[in-house]
C-alpha atoms as a PDB file:
ATOM      1  CA  MET A   1      -3.889   0.999  14.812  1.00  0.00           C
ATOM      2  CA  VAL A   2      -2.219   3.124  12.704  1.00  0.00           C
ATOM      3  CA  GLY A   3      -3.960   2.231   9.254  1.00  0.00           C
ATOM      4  CA  SER A   4      -7.186   2.635  11.243  1.00  0.00           C
ATOM      5  CA  SER A   5      -6.452   5.856  12.234  1.00  0.00           C
ATOM      6  CA  ILE A   6      -5.484   7.112   9.001  1.00  0.00           C
ATOM      7  CA  ALA A   7      -8.781   5.644   7.245  1.00  0.00           C
ATOM      8  CA  PHE A   8     -10.618   6.979   9.979  1.00  0.00           C
ATOM      9  CA  LEU A   9      -9.051  10.447   9.075  1.00  0.00           C
ATOM     10  CA  CYS A  10     -10.024  10.284   5.350  1.00  0.00           C
ATOM     11  CA  ALA A  11     -13.366   8.881   5.982  1.00  0.00           C
ATOM     12  CA  SER A  12     -14.547  11.712   8.554  1.00  0.00           C
ATOM     13  CA  ASN A  13     -13.163  14.189   6.151  1.00  0.00           C
ATOM     14  CA  SER A  14     -15.099  12.976   3.363  1.00  0.00           C
ATOM     15  CA  LEU A  15     -11.411  12.699   1.495  1.00  0.00           C
ATOM     16  CA  ASP A  16     -12.217   9.464  -0.744  1.00  0.00           C
ATOM     17  CA  ASP A  17     -13.240   5.806  -1.262  1.00  0.00           C
ATOM     18  CA  VAL A  18     -11.059   3.885   1.166  1.00  0.00           C
ATOM     19  CA  VAL A  19     -10.346  -0.005   1.072  1.00  0.00           C
ATOM     20  CA  LEU A  20      -8.758  -1.551   4.328  1.00  0.00           C
ATOM     21  CA  LEU A  21      -6.437  -4.201   3.171  1.00  0.00           C
ATOM     22  CA  ASN A  22      -5.683  -7.212   5.771  1.00  0.00           C
ATOM     23  CA  ARG A  23      -4.711 -10.761   5.599  1.00  0.00           C
ATOM     24  CA  THR A  24      -7.217 -11.128   7.926  1.00  0.00           C
ATOM     25  CA  LYS A  25     -10.198 -10.543   6.201  1.00  0.00           C
ATOM     26  CA  SER A  26     -12.324 -10.092   9.554  1.00  0.00           C
ATOM     27  CA  LYS A  27     -10.596  -7.715  10.917  1.00  0.00           C
ATOM     28  CA  ALA A  28     -10.389  -5.592   7.448  1.00  0.00           C
ATOM     29  CA  ILE A  29     -14.432  -5.837   7.386  1.00  0.00           C
ATOM     30  CA  GLY A  30     -14.914  -5.106  11.139  1.00  0.00           C
ATOM     31  CA  GLU A  31     -12.714  -2.006  11.269  1.00  0.00           C
ATOM     32  CA  ALA A  32     -14.408  -0.945   7.913  1.00  0.00           C
ATOM     33  CA  MET A  33     -17.900  -1.073   9.550  1.00  0.00           C
ATOM     34  CA  ASP A  34     -16.595   0.952  12.631  1.00  0.00           C
ATOM     35  CA  ILE A  35     -15.071   3.619  10.686  1.00  0.00           C
ATOM     36  CA  SER A  36     -17.918   3.510   7.726  1.00  0.00           C
ATOM     37  CA  ASN A  37     -20.095   5.334  10.949  1.00  0.00           C
ATOM     38  CA  VAL A  38     -18.414   8.256  10.490  1.00  0.00           C
ATOM     39  CA  ILE A  39     -19.364   9.307   7.137  1.00  0.00           C
ATOM     40  CA  SER A  40     -20.944  12.351   6.500  1.00  0.00           C
ATOM     41  CA  GLN A  41     -24.687  11.717   5.579  1.00  0.00           C
ATOM     42  CA  THR A  42     -23.578  14.611   2.530  1.00  0.00           C
ATOM     43  CA  SER A  43     -21.208  12.120   1.339  1.00  0.00           C
ATOM     44  CA  ASN A  44     -21.061   9.487  -1.126  1.00  0.00           C
ATOM     45  CA  PHE A  45     -17.683   7.736  -0.191  1.00  0.00           C
ATOM     46  CA  THR A  46     -17.871   4.121   0.920  1.00  0.00           C
ATOM     47  CA  VAL A  47     -15.266   2.471   3.411  1.00  0.00           C
ATOM     48  CA  ARG A  48     -14.676  -1.320   2.895  1.00  0.00           C
ATOM     49  CA  GLY A  49     -12.441  -4.006   4.062  1.00  0.00           C
ATOM     50  CA  THR A  50     -10.868  -6.942   2.176  1.00  0.00           C
ATOM     51  CA  ASP A  51      -8.100  -9.252   2.124  1.00  0.00           C
ATOM     52  CA  ASP A  52      -7.832  -9.365  -1.776  1.00  0.00           C
ATOM     53  CA  TYR A  53      -5.343  -7.042  -3.529  1.00  0.00           C
ATOM     54  CA  GLN A  54      -7.357  -7.041  -6.814  1.00  0.00           C
ATOM     55  CA  GLU A  55     -10.055  -4.467  -5.055  1.00  0.00           C
ATOM     56  CA  ILE A  56      -6.796  -1.921  -4.491  1.00  0.00           C
ATOM     57  CA  SER A  57      -6.187  -2.389  -8.334  1.00  0.00           C
ATOM     58  CA  GLN A  58      -7.456   1.176  -8.896  1.00  0.00           C
ATOM     59  CA  ALA A  59      -5.905   3.087  -5.914  1.00  0.00           C
ATOM     60  CA  LYS A  60      -4.282   6.390  -6.320  1.00  0.00           C
ATOM     61  CA  VAL A  61      -2.780   6.196  -3.495  1.00  0.00           C
ATOM     62  CA  ILE A  62      -1.712   3.150  -1.131  1.00  0.00           C
ATOM     63  CA  VAL A  63      -0.402   3.542   2.411  1.00  0.00           C
ATOM     64  CA  ILE A  64       1.611   0.435   4.141  1.00  0.00           C
ATOM     65  CA  THR A  65       1.271   0.308   7.618  1.00  0.00           C
ATOM     66  CA  ALA A  66       1.322  -3.986   7.977  1.00  0.00           C
ATOM     67  CA  SER A  67       3.597  -4.958  10.711  1.00  0.00           C
ATOM     68  CA  THR A  68       4.962  -8.733  11.720  1.00  0.00           C
ATOM     69  CA  GLY A  69       5.536  -7.751  15.047  1.00  0.00           C
ATOM     70  CA  VAL A  70       6.049  -5.392  17.876  1.00  0.00           C
ATOM     71  CA  TYR A  71       9.679  -3.885  18.368  1.00  0.00           C
ATOM     72  CA  LEU A  72      10.589  -2.633  21.967  1.00  0.00           C
ATOM     73  CA  LYS A  73      13.827  -1.137  22.256  1.00  0.00           C
ATOM     74  CA  ASN A  74      14.731  -0.245  18.440  1.00  0.00           C
ATOM     75  CA  ARG A  75      12.583   0.315  15.379  1.00  0.00           C
ATOM     76  CA  THR A  76      15.042  -2.565  13.639  1.00  0.00           C
ATOM     77  CA  GLU A  77      14.645  -5.314  16.050  1.00  0.00           C
ATOM     78  CA  ILE A  78      12.276  -7.230  13.456  1.00  0.00           C
ATOM     79  CA  ILE A  79      14.117  -6.072  10.290  1.00  0.00           C
ATOM     80  CA  SER A  80      14.528  -8.995   8.528  1.00  0.00           C
ATOM     81  CA  ALA A  81      11.016 -10.158   8.986  1.00  0.00           C
ATOM     82  CA  GLN A  82       9.801  -6.533   7.889  1.00  0.00           C
ATOM     83  CA  VAL A  83      11.997  -6.496   4.734  1.00  0.00           C
ATOM     84  CA  GLU A  84      10.517  -9.650   3.476  1.00  0.00           C
ATOM     85  CA  MET A  85       6.935  -8.745   4.560  1.00  0.00           C
ATOM     86  CA  ILE A  86       7.321  -5.721   2.280  1.00  0.00           C
ATOM     87  CA  LYS A  87       8.728  -7.436  -0.552  1.00  0.00           C
ATOM     88  CA  ASP A  88       5.890  -9.654  -0.512  1.00  0.00           C
ATOM     89  CA  ILE A  89       3.460  -6.641  -0.457  1.00  0.00           C
ATOM     90  CA  ALA A  90       5.591  -5.125  -3.364  1.00  0.00           C
ATOM     91  CA  LYS A  91       5.438  -8.077  -5.817  1.00  0.00           C
ATOM     92  CA  LYS A  92       1.315  -7.860  -5.099  1.00  0.00           C
ATOM     93  CA  ILE A  93       0.996  -4.232  -5.466  1.00  0.00           C
ATOM     94  CA  LYS A  94       3.164  -4.692  -8.560  1.00  0.00           C
ATOM     95  CA  THR A  95       0.891  -7.730  -9.780  1.00  0.00           C
ATOM     96  CA  TYR A  96      -2.272  -5.845  -9.054  1.00  0.00           C
ATOM     97  CA  CYS A  97      -2.126  -2.038  -8.925  1.00  0.00           C
ATOM     98  CA  MET A  98      -2.073   0.281 -12.020  1.00  0.00           C
ATOM     99  CA  SER A  99       0.073   3.245 -10.917  1.00  0.00           C
ATOM    100  CA  PRO A 100      -0.421   4.136  -7.120  1.00  0.00           C
ATOM    101  CA  ILE A 101       1.551   6.838  -5.105  1.00  0.00           C
ATOM    102  CA  VAL A 102       2.873   4.429  -2.224  1.00  0.00           C
ATOM    103  CA  LEU A 103       3.286   5.662   1.180  1.00  0.00           C
ATOM    104  CA  VAL A 104       5.355   3.640   3.305  1.00  0.00           C
ATOM    105  CA  ILE A 105       4.670   3.623   7.229  1.00  0.00           C
ATOM    106  CA  SER A 106       5.919   0.477   8.494  1.00  0.00           C
ATOM    107  CA  ASN A 107       9.364   0.566   9.924  1.00  0.00           C
ATOM    108  CA  PRO A 108      12.424   0.905   9.889  1.00  0.00           C
ATOM    109  CA  VAL A 109      10.414   2.990   7.293  1.00  0.00           C
ATOM    110  CA  ASP A 110      13.951   3.953   5.423  1.00  0.00           C
ATOM    111  CA  VAL A 111      14.752   0.533   4.930  1.00  0.00           C
ATOM    112  CA  LEU A 112      11.516  -0.698   4.143  1.00  0.00           C
ATOM    113  CA  THR A 113      10.797   2.255   1.552  1.00  0.00           C
ATOM    114  CA  TYR A 114      14.348   1.398  -0.117  1.00  0.00           C
ATOM    115  CA  PHE A 115      13.453  -2.243  -0.411  1.00  0.00           C
ATOM    116  CA  PHE A 116       9.646  -1.494  -1.615  1.00  0.00           C
ATOM    117  CA  GLN A 117      11.327   0.830  -4.557  1.00  0.00           C
ATOM    118  CA  LYS A 118      13.584  -1.596  -5.397  1.00  0.00           C
ATOM    119  CA  GLU A 119      11.468  -4.258  -5.720  1.00  0.00           C
ATOM    120  CA  THR A 120       8.786  -2.748  -7.707  1.00  0.00           C
ATOM    121  CA  GLY A 121      10.832  -0.968  -9.861  1.00  0.00           C
ATOM    122  CA  MET A 122       8.446   2.393  -9.402  1.00  0.00           C
ATOM    123  CA  SER A 123       9.577   5.617  -9.896  1.00  0.00           C
ATOM    124  CA  ARG A 124      10.912   7.097  -6.775  1.00  0.00           C
ATOM    125  CA  ASN A 125       8.818   9.988  -6.439  1.00  0.00           C
ATOM    126  CA  SER A 126       5.816   7.762  -6.134  1.00  0.00           C
ATOM    127  CA  VAL A 127       7.134   5.543  -3.408  1.00  0.00           C
ATOM    128  CA  ILE A 128       7.609   7.899   0.032  1.00  0.00           C
ATOM    129  CA  GLY A 129       8.292   7.001   3.711  1.00  0.00           C
ATOM    130  CA  ILE A 130       6.054   9.079   5.983  1.00  0.00           C
ATOM    131  CA  ALA A 131       8.332   9.659   9.140  1.00  0.00           C
ATOM    132  CA  SER A 132      10.527  12.630   9.343  1.00  0.00           C
ATOM    133  CA  SER A 133       7.533  15.094   9.185  1.00  0.00           C
ATOM    134  CA  LEU A 134       6.372  13.385  12.690  1.00  0.00           C
ATOM    135  CA  ASP A 135       9.864  13.632  14.002  1.00  0.00           C
ATOM    136  CA  SER A 136       9.591  17.202  12.893  1.00  0.00           C
ATOM    137  CA  GLN A 137       6.051  17.628  15.009  1.00  0.00           C
ATOM    138  CA  ARG A 138       7.979  16.331  17.856  1.00  0.00           C
ATOM    139  CA  PHE A 139      11.252  18.531  17.472  1.00  0.00           C
ATOM    140  CA  ARG A 140       8.993  21.439  17.441  1.00  0.00           C
ATOM    141  CA  TYR A 141       6.593  20.047  20.560  1.00  0.00           C
ATOM    142  CA  ILE A 142      10.103  19.484  22.779  1.00  0.00           C
ATOM    143  CA  ILE A 143      11.257  22.875  21.772  1.00  0.00           C
ATOM    144  CA  SER A 144       8.332  24.488  23.030  1.00  0.00           C
ATOM    145  CA  LYS A 145       8.139  22.560  26.188  1.00  0.00           C
ATOM    146  CA  ASN A 146      11.888  22.997  26.797  1.00  0.00           C
ATOM    147  CA  ILE A 147      11.822  26.727  25.913  1.00  0.00           C
ATOM    148  CA  GLY A 148       8.660  27.553  27.384  1.00  0.00           C
ATOM    149  CA  VAL A 149       6.989  28.888  23.871  1.00  0.00           C
ATOM    150  CA  LYS A 150       4.114  28.260  22.150  1.00  0.00           C
ATOM    151  CA  ASN A 151       4.098  25.556  19.079  1.00  0.00           C
ATOM    152  CA  THR A 152       2.865  28.684  16.954  1.00  0.00           C
ATOM    153  CA  HIS A 153       5.894  30.669  17.509  1.00  0.00           C
ATOM    154  CA  ILE A 154       8.326  28.003  16.210  1.00  0.00           C
ATOM    155  CA  THR A 155       9.121  27.583  12.470  1.00  0.00           C
ATOM    156  CA  ASP A 156      11.210  25.642  10.198  1.00  0.00           C
ATOM    157  CA  ALA A 157      11.781  23.175  13.239  1.00  0.00           C
ATOM    158  CA  TRP A 158      13.085  20.052  10.532  1.00  0.00           C
ATOM    159  CA  VAL A 159      14.196  16.642  11.009  1.00  0.00           C
ATOM    160  CA  PHE A 160      16.313  14.700   8.353  1.00  0.00           C
ATOM    161  CA  GLY A 161      18.109  11.600   8.129  1.00  0.00           C
ATOM    162  CA  GLU A 162      17.004   8.248   9.621  1.00  0.00           C
ATOM    163  CA  HIS A 163      13.433   7.594  11.240  1.00  0.00           C
ATOM    164  CA  GLY A 164      15.784   6.060  14.030  1.00  0.00           C
ATOM    165  CA  ASP A 165      18.655   6.729  16.553  1.00  0.00           C
ATOM    166  CA  SER A 166      20.680   8.541  14.024  1.00  0.00           C
ATOM    167  CA  MET A 167      18.055  11.115  13.293  1.00  0.00           C
ATOM    168  CA  VAL A 168      19.230  14.853  12.768  1.00  0.00           C
ATOM    169  CA  PRO A 169      17.386  17.898  14.362  1.00  0.00           C
ATOM    170  CA  ILE A 170      18.259  20.878  12.069  1.00  0.00           C
ATOM    171  CA  PHE A 171      18.992  23.499  14.580  1.00  0.00           C
ATOM    172  CA  SER A 172      20.495  26.105  12.553  1.00  0.00           C
ATOM    173  CA  LYS A 173      17.173  26.302  10.774  1.00  0.00           C
ATOM    174  CA  THR A 174      14.803  26.324  13.572  1.00  0.00           C
ATOM    175  CA  LYS A 175      13.078  30.075  14.673  1.00  0.00           C
ATOM    176  CA  ILE A 176      11.497  31.008  17.486  1.00  0.00           C
ATOM    177  CA  LYS A 177       9.410  34.483  16.629  1.00  0.00           C
ATOM    178  CA  GLY A 178      11.486  34.961  13.502  1.00  0.00           C
ATOM    179  CA  LYS A 179      15.319  34.377  15.601  1.00  0.00           C
ATOM    180  CA  ASN A 180      17.568  31.580  15.085  1.00  0.00           C
ATOM    181  CA  LEU A 181      17.131  29.253  18.018  1.00  0.00           C
ATOM    182  CA  ILE A 182      20.611  28.538  18.270  1.00  0.00           C
ATOM    183  CA  GLU A 183      20.941  31.927  19.728  1.00  0.00           C
ATOM    184  CA  LYS A 184      18.724  31.088  22.511  1.00  0.00           C
ATOM    185  CA  ILE A 185      20.079  27.927  23.783  1.00  0.00           C
ATOM    186  CA  ASN A 186      23.248  26.060  24.682  1.00  0.00           C
ATOM    187  CA  SER A 187      25.435  23.349  23.529  1.00  0.00           C
ATOM    188  CA  LYS A 188      23.631  21.187  26.482  1.00  0.00           C
ATOM    189  CA  GLN A 189      20.266  21.852  26.029  1.00  0.00           C
ATOM    190  CA  LYS A 190      20.546  21.134  22.207  1.00  0.00           C
ATOM    191  CA  GLU A 191      22.205  17.370  23.445  1.00  0.00           C
ATOM    192  CA  GLU A 192      19.452  17.164  25.749  1.00  0.00           C
ATOM    193  CA  ILE A 193      16.844  18.302  23.033  1.00  0.00           C
ATOM    194  CA  THR A 194      18.139  15.897  20.581  1.00  0.00           C
ATOM    195  CA  LYS A 195      17.869  13.064  22.904  1.00  0.00           C
ATOM    196  CA  GLU A 196      14.408  13.446  23.556  1.00  0.00           C
ATOM    197  CA  VAL A 197      13.292  13.683  20.184  1.00  0.00           C
ATOM    198  CA  ARG A 198      15.155  10.676  19.556  1.00  0.00           C
ATOM    199  CA  ASN A 199      13.886   8.805  22.477  1.00  0.00           C
ATOM    200  CA  TYR A 200      10.313  10.279  22.306  1.00  0.00           C
ATOM    201  CA  TRP A 201       8.883   6.923  21.107  1.00  0.00           C
ATOM    202  CA  ARG A 202      10.795   5.100  23.721  1.00  0.00           C
ATOM    203  CA  THR A 203       9.154   7.582  26.434  1.00  0.00           C
ATOM    204  CA  LEU A 204       5.741   7.383  24.856  1.00  0.00           C
ATOM    205  CA  ARG A 205       5.904   3.558  25.029  1.00  0.00           C
ATOM    206  CA  LYS A 206       6.045   4.118  29.011  1.00  0.00           C
ATOM    207  CA  PHE A 207       2.066   5.496  29.066  1.00  0.00           C
ATOM    208  CA  LYS A 208       0.813   3.201  25.621  1.00  0.00           C
ATOM    209  CA  THR A 209       1.744   0.655  23.933  1.00  0.00           C
ATOM    210  CA  ARG A 210       2.485   2.703  20.888  1.00  0.00           C
ATOM    211  CA  SER A 211       2.054   5.822  18.878  1.00  0.00           C
ATOM    212  CA  GLN A 212      -0.977   6.499  16.081  1.00  0.00           C
ATOM    213  CA  PHE A 213      -2.558   9.714  16.060  1.00  0.00           C
ATOM    214  CA  GLY A 214       0.839  11.873  15.171  1.00  0.00           C
ATOM    215  CA  ILE A 215       1.691   9.347  12.425  1.00  0.00           C
ATOM    216  CA  ALA A 216      -1.641   9.245  11.114  1.00  0.00           C
ATOM    217  CA  LYS A 217      -2.324  13.182  10.632  1.00  0.00           C
ATOM    218  CA  ASN A 218       0.786  13.767   9.107  1.00  0.00           C
ATOM    219  CA  THR A 219      -0.248  10.578   6.947  1.00  0.00           C
ATOM    220  CA  PHE A 220      -3.540  12.136   5.852  1.00  0.00           C
ATOM    221  CA  ASP A 221      -2.075  15.743   5.139  1.00  0.00           C
ATOM    222  CA  VAL A 222      -0.023  13.612   2.755  1.00  0.00           C
ATOM    223  CA  ILE A 223      -2.897  12.240   1.380  1.00  0.00           C
ATOM    224  CA  LYS A 224      -4.878  14.952   0.954  1.00  0.00           C
ATOM    225  CA  SER A 225      -2.400  17.011  -0.758  1.00  0.00           C
ATOM    226  CA  ILE A 226      -2.440  14.260  -3.565  1.00  0.00           C
ATOM    227  CA  ILE A 227      -6.110  13.515  -3.710  1.00  0.00           C
ATOM    228  CA  LYS A 228      -6.604  17.378  -3.766  1.00  0.00           C
ATOM    229  CA  ASN A 229      -3.629  18.247  -5.881  1.00  0.00           C
ATOM    230  CA  GLN A 230      -2.478  20.651  -3.310  1.00  0.00           C
ATOM    231  CA  THR A 231       1.347  21.139  -2.741  1.00  0.00           C
ATOM    232  CA  ILE A 232       2.679  20.321   0.499  1.00  0.00           C
ATOM    233  CA  SER A 233       6.051  20.995   1.812  1.00  0.00           C
ATOM    234  CA  THR A 234       7.182  18.190   4.392  1.00  0.00           C
ATOM    235  CA  PRO A 235      10.159  16.163   5.261  1.00  0.00           C
ATOM    236  CA  ALA A 236       9.825  12.678   3.927  1.00  0.00           C
ATOM    237  CA  SER A 237      11.939   9.655   3.157  1.00  0.00           C
ATOM    238  CA  VAL A 238      12.763   8.897  -0.482  1.00  0.00           C
ATOM    239  CA  LEU A 239      15.628   7.301  -2.444  1.00  0.00           C
ATOM    240  CA  LEU A 240      18.420  10.090  -2.957  1.00  0.00           C
ATOM    241  CA  GLU A 241      20.322  10.137  -6.423  1.00  0.00           C
ATOM    242  CA  GLY A 242      22.800  12.412  -5.347  1.00  0.00           C
ATOM    243  CA  GLU A 243      20.781  14.981  -3.252  1.00  0.00           C
ATOM    244  CA  PHE A 244      22.579  15.883  -0.155  1.00  0.00           C
ATOM    245  CA  GLY A 245      25.851  14.072  -1.497  1.00  0.00           C
ATOM    246  CA  GLN A 246      24.118  10.881  -0.921  1.00  0.00           C
ATOM    247  CA  ASN A 247      23.262   7.937  -3.542  1.00  0.00           C
ATOM    248  CA  GLU A 248      21.376   4.580  -2.871  1.00  0.00           C
ATOM    249  CA  VAL A 249      19.680   5.353   0.494  1.00  0.00           C
ATOM    250  CA  CYS A 250      16.386   6.497   1.131  1.00  0.00           C
ATOM    251  CA  MET A 251      16.175   9.041   3.967  1.00  0.00           C
ATOM    252  CA  GLY A 252      14.128  11.717   5.535  1.00  0.00           C
ATOM    253  CA  VAL A 253      14.676  15.345   3.553  1.00  0.00           C
ATOM    254  CA  PRO A 254      12.519  18.139   2.763  1.00  0.00           C
ATOM    255  CA  VAL A 255      10.223  17.493  -0.371  1.00  0.00           C
ATOM    256  CA  LYS A 256       7.417  18.795  -2.276  1.00  0.00           C
ATOM    257  CA  ILE A 257       4.270  16.585  -2.701  1.00  0.00           C
ATOM    258  CA  SER A 258       1.231  16.933  -4.840  1.00  0.00           C
ATOM    259  CA  SER A 259      -0.885  14.853  -7.125  1.00  0.00           C
ATOM    260  CA  SER A 260       2.131  13.155  -8.673  1.00  0.00           C
ATOM    261  CA  GLY A 261       3.881  12.270  -5.486  1.00  0.00           C
ATOM    262  CA  ILE A 262       7.205  13.959  -4.757  1.00  0.00           C
ATOM    263  CA  THR A 263       7.736  16.887  -7.512  1.00  0.00           C
ATOM    264  CA  GLU A 264      10.723  18.110  -6.043  1.00  0.00           C
ATOM    265  CA  ILE A 265      13.391  17.337  -3.465  1.00  0.00           C
ATOM    266  CA  GLN A 266      14.231  20.668  -1.929  1.00  0.00           C
ATOM    267  CA  SER A 267      17.991  21.875  -1.149  1.00  0.00           C
ATOM    268  CA  MET A 268      19.077  23.101   1.733  1.00  0.00           C
ATOM    269  CA  GLU A 269      22.323  24.178   3.442  1.00  0.00           C
ATOM    270  CA  LEU A 270      23.288  22.615   6.332  1.00  0.00           C
ATOM    271  CA  ASN A 271      25.826  23.469   8.950  1.00  0.00           C
ATOM    272  CA  SER A 272      29.008  21.530   9.189  1.00  0.00           C
ATOM    273  CA  SER A 273      27.839  19.625  12.228  1.00  0.00           C
ATOM    274  CA  GLU A 274      24.514  18.862  10.628  1.00  0.00           C
ATOM    275  CA  GLN A 275      26.240  17.659   7.471  1.00  0.00           C
ATOM    276  CA  ASP A 276      28.598  15.315   9.445  1.00  0.00           C
ATOM    277  CA  LEU A 277      25.829  14.086  11.213  1.00  0.00           C
ATOM    278  CA  PHE A 278      23.399  13.341   8.104  1.00  0.00           C
ATOM    279  CA  GLN A 279      26.356  11.439   6.482  1.00  0.00           C
ATOM    280  CA  LYS A 280      26.466   9.044   9.760  1.00  0.00           C
ATOM    281  CA  SER A 281      22.386   8.848   9.546  1.00  0.00           C
ATOM    282  CA  ALA A 282      22.813   7.615   5.908  1.00  0.00           C
ATOM    283  CA  HIS A 283      25.428   5.332   6.906  1.00  0.00           C
ATOM    284  CA  THR A 284      23.751   3.769   9.772  1.00  0.00           C
ATOM    285  CA  ILE A 285      20.745   3.312   6.918  1.00  0.00           C
ATOM    286  CA  ARG A 286      23.005   1.583   4.447  1.00  0.00           C
ATOM    287  CA  ASN A 287      24.086  -0.870   6.879  1.00  0.00           C
ATOM    288  CA  TYR A 288      20.907  -1.871   7.970  1.00  0.00           C
ATOM    289  CA  ILE A 289      20.017  -2.363   4.215  1.00  0.00           C
ATOM    290  CA  ASP A 290      23.215  -4.434   3.698  1.00  0.00           C
ATOM    291  CA  SER A 291      22.560  -6.687   6.862  1.00  0.00           C
ATOM    292  CA  VAL A 292      19.346  -7.877   5.056  1.00  0.00           C
ATOM    293  CA  TYR A 293      20.638  -8.208   1.754  1.00  0.00           C
END
């Protein structure tokens, strides 16, 4: 339901025309019919469903939320099938679409972002994995809950690296009312918060089948920044070429995004512990990439 939730936000906010593409045409049409009912009376934008890639040939932004199945214990459970799926989608987009900016949501997002970029040969600035911004939102929420402060009092709560079990919450930059978080918590609390952030999706799944609204809103914010040419600073997965000491791997890092996609990969000094964890996260992602090559 992530794709439908993103489409709903785009339509209800009169952002632009929306095309829902699904291998099952009837499903795409049904979702489009439902979402069309939220379009404002003053809006000229439309929502339609299809299974034909030619209908998205002129798309400015393409969002990939497709999946071959449901993972239960780890986002990489169905990695081989997901990689084959993303390669197939990549070939079709390369064939039919002009010069889109592609947002990859499907998991394992860092691995799939890598394979999509390699399959299409598109600029790394135009292939963006959306997930670390969601992890950062969750990080802030968990700090708020555990420390007993409001969300609005927490700033610079970043999560980098893999969208998975090796993700790296950046405690050294996080501030509460302008003061460093690491001055307010001990090592045990830090470990507990890290574990809770990494396992957030597992905890959520005890109560509902999957998450949709958080990632939908984070994705919508990026789409809006592209369509409206409004620069947004957010962590996202992108192919690294020396940044943070890493090459040939896609992973979450701080970036700026506007109408042309990623305009800057922002540098940020991490402490020694975070640097080690970031390198381990990069190694983890590379191992997953190598496992399906």
